[in-house]
Amino acid sequence: MDFLTNPFIVVMLGLYSLLGENLVLAIIVFTILSRIITYPLMRQQLKSSKRMREIAPKLQELREKYKGPQNREELARAQMELYRQEGINPLAGCLPLLIQMPILFGLYGAIYATLATTPLQFLDIQNRLLIPELSAMLPLKNQFLWMNLGQPDPYFVIPVLVVISTWLQSKLMMPPVTDPKDPSAAVSRNMTTIMPLMIGLFSLSFASGLSIYWIASNVVGIVQYALMGQIDWRNVFSAPKPAPAAAATTKSAPAPELPRRQEREVATAPATAALTKRKLSERVQRPSSSKSASPKASKARKKK
């Protein structure tokens, strides 16, 4: 990767010289320039990701239609037909990322090389210089505040800022959740938490200058996403809300309407029951009253 790293080392040293031998400022400006260079690729990647999210419901319908391992070929053909109809290349989102990776490795190597602190590292960077006169700048002034930019931060302030900036960028880049119960949405939420912690853990052993590059890259990335209208600041600390369609399905269905005849029967049921009960009680009372009246009638006949 020297053919990528060496030109970036020259750019880094040039910025260091132009900016008054301020290494932190040179790293920040270098980060901004690198983000500007990779901006068209990042924009193309975002557009492709957005198009894939738009057809996600149709892809889900195809997966439901062609369930089971025996239907994998039919599912693949149906998906490719959908991509063709929508004019989408499923690999278009991967291509910009593949192009960016060598550039990012070159940038990383250039910053790492310019933070040389040992004699072997100084010798290595001198052999990398495409312009030999730049070796007069070495060694660079790598002291900033309490930190040696070639060593990890002893007070862990920079790693904490790495975690916060990485989490914020991941949260703002995360697409809106249409269904919180979707497994892919759960994976995205977990990655938004796990990845910043992992990168923060790595930054404990990184040179502070590399961690500053990472923080600056995150901040510039957030600004770029905001300028492209890809950020909704209200979603930073809010829980994912279900889609309107999903919320509508949770409402209880209205009670089915009864025919008019059944409505009348239901309405008159209490009155009918009370009338039936009264008739039964009258039937029970009549025999008892006739029995009680019969002895009195017989006595009156005897007196006569």
Protein backbone atom coordinates (compact mmCIF):
# COMPACT_ATOMS: atom_id res chain seq x y z
CA MET A 1 0.00 0.00 0.00
CA ASP A 2 3.06 2.29 -0.15
CA PHE A 3 1.98 3.62 -3.54
CA LEU A 4 -1.12 5.04 -1.82
CA THR A 5 0.44 6.00 1.50
CA ASN A 6 3.51 7.88 0.24
CA PRO A 7 1.62 10.61 -1.71
CA PHE A 8 -0.60 11.22 1.33
CA ILE A 9 2.53 11.58 3.52
CA VAL A 10 3.72 14.37 1.23
CA VAL A 11 0.32 16.10 1.47
CA MET A 12 0.34 15.74 5.26
CA LEU A 13 3.80 17.25 5.61
CA GLY A 14 2.87 20.06 3.21
CA LEU A 15 -0.15 20.95 5.36
CA TYR A 16 2.00 20.77 8.48
CA SER A 17 4.39 23.31 6.98
CA LEU A 18 1.65 25.63 5.68
CA LEU A 19 -0.26 25.64 8.99
CA GLY A 20 2.59 26.83 11.16
CA GLU A 21 3.85 23.37 12.12
CA ASN A 22 0.62 22.64 13.98
CA LEU A 23 0.15 18.87 13.71
CA VAL A 24 -3.40 18.76 15.12
CA LEU A 25 -4.59 21.42 12.70
CA ALA A 26 -2.83 19.60 9.86
CA ILE A 27 -4.65 16.35 10.78
CA ILE A 28 -8.04 18.12 10.87
CA VAL A 29 -7.52 19.86 7.50
CA PHE A 30 -6.20 16.60 6.05
CA THR A 31 -9.38 14.86 7.26
CA ILE A 32 -11.61 17.51 5.70
CA LEU A 33 -9.79 17.22 2.37
CA SER A 34 -10.06 13.42 2.42
CA ARG A 35 -13.80 13.65 3.11
CA ILE A 36 -14.23 16.08 0.21
CA ILE A 37 -12.35 13.68 -2.09
CA THR A 38 -14.54 10.71 -1.12
CA TYR A 39 -17.80 12.73 -1.02
CA PRO A 40 -19.05 11.73 -4.52
CA LEU A 41 -18.55 8.05 -3.68
CA MET A 42 -20.33 8.43 -0.35
CA ARG A 43 -23.24 10.25 -1.99
CA GLN A 44 -23.64 7.49 -4.57
CA GLN A 45 -23.62 4.90 -1.79
CA LEU A 46 -26.33 6.79 0.13
CA LYS A 47 -28.53 7.06 -2.95
CA SER A 48 -28.23 3.33 -3.58
CA SER A 49 -29.05 2.54 0.06
CA LYS A 50 -32.10 4.80 -0.08
CA ARG A 51 -33.41 3.07 -3.21
CA MET A 52 -32.95 -0.33 -1.57
CA ARG A 53 -34.93 0.83 1.47
CA GLU A 54 -37.75 2.03 -0.79
CA ILE A 55 -38.22 -1.40 -2.35
CA ALA A 56 -37.72 -3.27 0.95
CA PRO A 57 -41.52 -3.92 1.35
CA LYS A 58 -41.65 -5.48 -2.11
CA LEU A 59 -38.65 -7.66 -1.31
CA GLN A 60 -40.35 -8.78 1.89
CA GLU A 61 -43.47 -9.73 -0.06
CA LEU A 62 -41.32 -11.87 -2.37
CA ARG A 63 -39.71 -13.60 0.60
CA GLU A 64 -43.14 -14.38 2.04
CA LYS A 65 -44.32 -15.66 -1.32
CA TYR A 66 -41.30 -17.90 -1.93
CA LYS A 67 -40.73 -19.34 1.52
CA GLY A 68 -38.69 -22.45 2.07
CA PRO A 69 -35.34 -23.70 0.76
CA GLN A 70 -37.02 -25.34 -2.24
CA ASN A 71 -38.00 -21.90 -3.58
CA ARG A 72 -34.61 -20.20 -3.41
CA GLU A 73 -34.09 -20.16 -7.15
CA GLU A 74 -37.56 -18.73 -7.77
CA LEU A 75 -36.91 -16.09 -5.09
CA ALA A 76 -33.59 -15.09 -6.67
CA ARG A 77 -35.19 -14.77 -10.10
CA ALA A 78 -38.08 -12.73 -8.71
CA GLN A 79 -35.68 -10.40 -6.88
CA MET A 80 -33.55 -9.84 -9.99
CA GLU A 81 -36.69 -9.11 -11.99
CA LEU A 82 -37.75 -6.57 -9.36
CA TYR A 83 -34.32 -4.92 -9.49
CA ARG A 84 -34.57 -4.76 -13.29
CA GLN A 85 -38.05 -3.19 -13.17
CA GLU A 86 -36.98 -0.59 -10.60
CA GLY A 87 -33.69 0.15 -12.39
CA ILE A 88 -31.54 -0.78 -9.37
CA ASN A 89 -28.14 -2.43 -9.36
CA PRO A 90 -27.85 -4.31 -6.03
CA LEU A 91 -24.04 -4.03 -6.19
CA ALA A 92 -24.08 -0.27 -6.74
CA GLY A 93 -23.93 0.40 -2.99
CA CYS A 94 -20.88 -1.85 -2.54
CA LEU A 95 -18.78 -0.38 -5.36
CA PRO A 96 -18.24 3.08 -3.78
CA LEU A 97 -17.31 1.41 -0.50
CA LEU A 98 -14.77 -0.84 -2.25
CA ILE A 99 -13.22 2.22 -3.92
CA GLN A 100 -13.06 4.11 -0.62
CA MET A 101 -11.31 1.36 1.33
CA PRO A 102 -7.85 1.68 -0.35
CA ILE A 103 -8.05 5.46 0.03
CA LEU A 104 -8.87 5.15 3.72
CA PHE A 105 -6.01 2.70 4.26
CA GLY A 106 -3.65 5.13 2.54
CA LEU A 107 -4.85 8.02 4.73
CA TYR A 108 -4.49 5.90 7.86
CA GLY A 109 -0.96 4.86 6.88
CA ALA A 110 0.04 8.43 6.14
CA ILE A 111 -1.07 9.74 9.53
CA TYR A 112 0.51 6.78 11.32
CA ALA A 113 3.83 7.37 9.49
CA THR A 114 3.96 11.11 10.24
CA LEU A 115 3.48 10.42 13.96
CA ALA A 116 6.90 8.75 14.10
CA THR A 117 8.47 8.70 17.56
CA THR A 118 11.28 6.12 17.31
CA PRO A 119 14.50 6.16 15.23
CA LEU A 120 13.28 3.23 13.11
CA GLN A 121 10.03 5.08 12.35
CA PHE A 122 11.98 8.22 11.37
CA LEU A 123 14.11 6.16 9.02
CA ASP A 124 11.00 4.57 7.53
CA ILE A 125 9.28 7.89 6.83
CA GLN A 126 12.46 9.32 5.26
CA ASN A 127 12.51 6.41 2.82
CA ARG A 128 8.86 7.07 1.95
CA LEU A 129 9.26 10.75 1.09
CA LEU A 130 8.76 11.46 -2.59
CA ILE A 131 10.35 14.88 -2.03
CA PRO A 132 13.62 14.41 -0.10
CA GLU A 133 13.71 18.06 1.02
CA LEU A 134 10.71 17.40 3.27
CA SER A 135 12.92 15.38 5.59
CA ALA A 136 14.15 18.70 7.07
CA MET A 137 10.78 18.98 8.88
CA LEU A 138 11.41 15.79 10.84
CA PRO A 139 10.80 15.14 13.65
CA LEU A 140 7.39 16.77 13.79
CA LYS A 141 6.18 18.69 16.84
CA ASN A 142 3.72 16.11 18.14
CA GLN A 143 3.02 17.58 21.58
CA PHE A 144 -0.56 18.90 22.02
CA LEU A 145 -1.93 19.97 25.42
CA TRP A 146 -1.23 17.03 27.75
CA MET A 147 -0.78 14.51 24.91
CA ASN A 148 2.01 13.14 22.82
CA LEU A 149 0.17 12.63 19.51
CA GLY A 150 2.28 9.57 18.77
CA GLN A 151 1.15 7.85 21.99
CA PRO A 152 -2.26 6.88 23.47
CA ASP A 153 -4.05 9.46 25.60
CA PRO A 154 -3.08 8.76 29.24
CA TYR A 155 -6.30 10.33 30.59
CA PHE A 156 -8.73 8.55 28.18
CA VAL A 157 -10.38 11.83 27.12
CA ILE A 158 -9.78 11.21 23.41
CA PRO A 159 -11.15 7.61 23.49
CA VAL A 160 -14.34 8.87 25.16
CA LEU A 161 -14.75 11.50 22.42
CA VAL A 162 -14.18 8.76 19.84
CA VAL A 163 -17.03 6.70 21.33
CA ILE A 164 -19.42 9.68 21.50
CA SER A 165 -18.72 10.93 17.97
CA THR A 166 -18.90 7.42 16.47
CA TRP A 167 -22.18 6.68 18.27
CA LEU A 168 -23.69 10.00 17.17
CA GLN A 169 -22.74 9.47 13.53
CA SER A 170 -24.05 5.88 13.57
CA LYS A 171 -27.32 6.98 15.18
CA LEU A 172 -27.86 9.78 12.68
CA MET A 173 -27.00 7.55 9.72
CA MET A 174 -29.37 4.77 10.81
CA PRO A 175 -32.43 4.65 8.51
CA PRO A 176 -35.89 5.15 10.07
CA VAL A 177 -37.40 2.00 11.59
CA THR A 178 -40.73 1.03 10.06
CA ASP A 179 -41.25 -2.05 12.23
CA PRO A 180 -39.47 -2.26 15.63
CA LYS A 181 -40.07 -6.03 15.67
CA ASP A 182 -38.10 -6.51 12.44
CA PRO A 183 -34.92 -8.55 13.20
CA SER A 184 -32.83 -6.36 10.91
CA ALA A 185 -33.92 -3.28 12.88
CA ALA A 186 -32.81 -4.96 16.11
CA VAL A 187 -29.42 -5.78 14.55
CA SER A 188 -29.00 -2.14 13.44
CA ARG A 189 -29.78 -0.88 16.93
CA ASN A 190 -27.31 -3.31 18.49
CA MET A 191 -24.57 -2.37 16.04
CA THR A 192 -25.16 1.32 16.79
CA THR A 193 -24.23 0.55 20.39
CA ILE A 194 -21.57 -2.13 19.96
CA MET A 195 -19.45 -0.60 17.18
CA PRO A 196 -18.67 2.72 18.96
CA LEU A 197 -17.65 0.79 22.07
CA MET A 198 -15.36 -1.48 20.05
CA ILE A 199 -13.74 1.45 18.23
CA GLY A 200 -13.33 3.27 21.55
CA LEU A 201 -11.62 0.19 22.97
CA PHE A 202 -9.20 0.11 20.03
CA SER A 203 -8.48 3.82 20.45
CA LEU A 204 -7.11 3.09 23.94
CA SER A 205 -4.03 1.68 22.19
CA PHE A 206 -4.08 4.01 19.15
CA ALA A 207 -1.82 7.01 18.85
CA SER A 208 -3.74 10.10 19.92
CA GLY A 209 -3.23 11.66 16.49
CA LEU A 210 -5.09 8.75 14.85
CA SER A 211 -7.93 9.11 17.36
CA ILE A 212 -8.15 12.84 16.57
CA TYR A 213 -8.36 11.95 12.88
CA TRP A 214 -11.24 9.57 13.69
CA ILE A 215 -13.11 12.22 15.71
CA ALA A 216 -12.65 14.84 12.98
CA SER A 217 -13.82 12.35 10.34
CA ASN A 218 -16.99 11.63 12.35
CA VAL A 219 -17.78 15.32 12.80
CA VAL A 220 -17.21 16.11 9.12
CA GLY A 221 -19.34 13.10 8.17
CA ILE A 222 -22.22 14.35 10.33
CA VAL A 223 -22.00 17.77 8.65
CA GLN A 224 -22.04 16.15 5.20
CA TYR A 225 -25.08 14.03 6.03
CA ALA A 226 -26.85 17.10 7.40
CA LEU A 227 -26.15 19.07 4.21
CA MET A 228 -27.59 16.22 2.16
CA GLY A 229 -30.75 16.18 4.27
CA GLN A 230 -30.09 12.66 5.54
CA ILE A 231 -30.35 13.51 9.25
CA ASP A 232 -33.35 13.84 11.54
CA TRP A 233 -32.03 15.28 14.82
CA ARG A 234 -35.27 14.35 16.63
CA ASN A 235 -34.41 10.64 16.34
CA VAL A 236 -31.12 10.90 18.22
CA PHE A 237 -32.54 10.23 21.69
CA SER A 238 -36.04 9.03 20.76
CA ALA A 239 -37.17 5.41 20.70
CA PRO A 240 -38.19 3.96 17.32
CA LYS A 241 -41.86 4.47 16.56
CA PRO A 242 -43.93 1.89 14.71
CA ALA A 243 -45.11 2.65 11.23
CA PRO A 244 -48.69 3.91 10.85
CA ALA A 245 -49.72 0.67 9.17
CA ALA A 246 -48.36 -1.37 12.03
CA ALA A 247 -50.01 0.87 14.59
CA ALA A 248 -53.35 0.57 12.81
CA THR A 249 -53.27 -3.21 13.03
CA THR A 250 -53.01 -3.06 16.81
CA LYS A 251 -56.33 -1.31 17.19
CA SER A 252 -59.23 -3.54 18.14
CA ALA A 253 -61.57 -4.30 15.29
CA PRO A 254 -65.07 -2.81 15.57
CA ALA A 255 -67.82 -5.12 16.73
CA PRO A 256 -69.74 -6.63 13.82
CA GLU A 257 -73.16 -5.14 13.19
CA LEU A 258 -76.13 -7.38 13.98
CA PRO A 259 -79.18 -7.71 11.73
CA ARG A 260 -82.22 -5.69 12.79
CA ARG A 261 -84.15 -8.79 13.84
CA GLN A 262 -81.34 -9.91 16.11
CA GLU A 263 -81.03 -6.38 17.50
CA ARG A 264 -84.72 -6.41 18.45
CA GLU A 265 -84.38 -9.82 20.05
CA VAL A 266 -81.37 -8.71 22.05
CA ALA A 267 -83.10 -5.48 23.12
CA THR A 268 -86.32 -7.23 24.22
CA ALA A 269 -84.62 -10.19 25.87
CA PRO A 270 -84.71 -8.79 29.46
CA ALA A 271 -88.42 -7.83 29.20
CA THR A 272 -89.34 -11.24 27.75
CA ALA A 273 -87.47 -13.02 30.53
CA ALA A 274 -89.24 -10.97 33.21
CA LEU A 275 -92.68 -11.67 31.66
CA THR A 276 -91.99 -15.39 31.47
CA LYS A 277 -90.88 -15.45 35.09
CA ARG A 278 -94.06 -13.64 36.21
CA LYS A 279 -96.30 -16.07 34.34
CA LEU A 280 -94.56 -19.04 35.92
CA SER A 281 -94.97 -17.57 39.39
CA GLU A 282 -98.70 -17.01 38.75
CA ARG A 283 -99.13 -20.62 37.66
CA VAL A 284 -97.43 -21.80 40.85
CA GLN A 285 -99.60 -19.57 43.08
CA ARG A 286 -102.99 -20.56 41.57
CA PRO A 287 -103.05 -24.21 42.77
CA SER A 288 -101.99 -23.20 46.26
CA SER A 289 -104.75 -20.58 46.52
CA SER A 290 -107.40 -23.04 45.30
CA LYS A 291 -106.26 -25.62 47.88
CA SER A 292 -106.43 -23.11 50.71
CA ALA A 293 -109.93 -22.01 49.69
CA SER A 294 -111.45 -25.55 49.45
CA PRO A 295 -111.67 -26.34 53.26
CA LYS A 296 -113.50 -23.06 53.92
CA ALA A 297 -116.00 -23.81 51.18
CA SER A 298 -116.71 -27.30 52.57
CA LYS A 299 -117.36 -25.90 56.07
CA ALA A 300 -119.85 -23.38 54.66
CA ARG A 301 -121.69 -26.18 52.87
CA LYS A 302 -121.96 -28.20 56.12
CA LYS A 303 -123.41 -25.25 58.01
CA LYS A 304 -126.03 -24.82 55.38
